[in-house]
Protein backbone atom coordinates (compact mmCIF):
# COMPACT_ATOMS: atom_id res chain seq x y z
CA MET A 1 -0.10 0.05 -0.06
CA ALA A 2 2.99 2.25 0.60
CA VAL A 3 3.81 2.26 -2.68
CA ILE A 4 0.45 3.13 -4.45
CA LEU A 5 0.25 5.93 -1.74
CA PHE A 6 3.94 6.98 -2.70
CA GLY A 7 3.67 7.02 -6.69
CA VAL A 8 0.91 7.84 -6.41
CA PHE A 9 1.76 11.05 -4.85
CA ILE A 10 5.02 11.52 -6.62
CA ALA A 11 3.29 11.29 -10.18
CA LEU A 12 0.29 14.27 -8.74
CA LEU A 13 3.49 16.24 -7.74
CA LEU A 14 5.12 15.51 -10.97
CA LEU A 15 2.21 16.93 -12.97
CA GLY A 16 2.13 19.77 -11.25
CA VAL A 17 -0.85 19.48 -8.83
CA PRO A 18 -0.28 21.42 -5.21
CA VAL A 19 0.98 19.52 -2.43
CA ALA A 20 -2.33 19.19 -0.63
CA PHE A 21 -4.33 18.41 -3.60
CA ALA A 22 -1.75 15.83 -3.65
CA ILE A 23 -1.66 14.20 -0.49
CA CYS A 24 -5.37 14.54 -0.40
CA SER A 25 -5.67 12.52 -3.65
CA ALA A 26 -3.03 9.82 -2.50
CA ALA A 27 -4.76 9.29 0.60
CA ALA A 28 -8.27 8.90 -1.63
CA THR A 29 -6.69 6.48 -3.91
CA THR A 30 -4.70 4.11 -1.47
CA MET A 31 -7.77 3.72 1.17
CA PHE A 32 -10.14 3.60 -1.78
CA ALA A 33 -7.20 0.86 -3.55
CA GLY A 34 -6.70 -0.85 0.05
CA PHE A 35 -10.09 -1.14 1.78
CA GLY A 36 -12.22 -0.87 -1.30
CA ASP A 37 -16.21 0.70 -0.97
CA ALA A 38 -17.43 -0.64 0.81
CA LYS A 39 -15.20 -0.67 4.02
CA MET A 40 -13.88 3.07 2.98
CA MET A 41 -17.66 3.86 4.14
CA ILE A 42 -16.83 3.08 7.00
CA VAL A 43 -13.27 5.20 7.18
CA VAL A 44 -15.53 8.29 6.73
CA GLN A 45 -17.99 7.11 9.22
CA ARG A 46 -15.33 7.32 11.96
CA MET A 47 -13.32 10.44 10.75
CA PHE A 48 -16.54 12.26 11.35
CA ALA A 49 -18.16 10.62 14.19
CA SER A 50 -13.95 11.46 15.90
CA CYS A 51 -15.17 14.96 15.45
CA ASP A 52 -18.08 15.12 17.03
CA SER A 53 -16.41 15.53 21.43
CA PHE A 54 -17.36 18.65 23.18
CA SER A 55 -14.00 19.20 23.75
CA LEU A 56 -12.94 19.35 19.89
CA ILE A 57 -15.95 21.69 19.63
CA ALA A 58 -15.35 23.99 22.68
CA VAL A 59 -12.43 25.20 21.08
CA PRO A 60 -13.45 27.15 18.25
CA PHE A 61 -16.08 28.73 20.10
CA PHE A 62 -13.57 29.37 22.70
CA ILE A 63 -11.86 31.22 20.40
CA PHE A 64 -14.71 32.71 18.63
CA ALA A 65 -16.25 34.32 22.04
CA GLY A 66 -12.75 35.89 23.08
CA ASP A 67 -12.59 37.40 19.35
CA LEU A 68 -15.93 38.52 19.45
CA LEU A 69 -15.18 39.75 23.50
CA ASN A 70 -12.06 41.98 21.57
CA GLN A 71 -14.42 43.26 18.78
CA CYS A 72 -17.57 44.68 20.45
CA ILE A 73 -15.71 45.34 23.83
CA GLY A 74 -12.49 45.96 23.69
CA SER A 75 -11.33 44.52 26.50
CA SER A 76 -8.60 42.55 25.57
CA PHE A 77 -6.27 45.45 26.02
CA GLY A 78 -6.69 45.84 29.40
CA LEU A 79 -5.57 42.80 29.68
CA ARG A 80 -2.37 43.11 28.54
CA ASP A 81 -1.15 46.01 29.92
C-alpha cells in the first residue's frame, strides 16, 4: 500500500498538482485501493464521528468568544497591560 501512496503522490507532484491536493488525492486513492468501496464508507463515518466530541467543539467556540469580546468591547487591551 505504501507503494501506491507514494507512487500516486509523486506522480501528482510531477504533473504540477499543488501539494495539499496531491496528499489528499494520494490518500483517497490508497484508501479506495486498499479497503474497497464498503469499508471506505466505514472509515469516513468513523472520521466524522471522532470529530463529534464536546472538547473539540469547545476550542473554536472559545476562540470565537474571545474574538467577539475583543471586537465588541475591546476589553483585551486592558488584559495586556
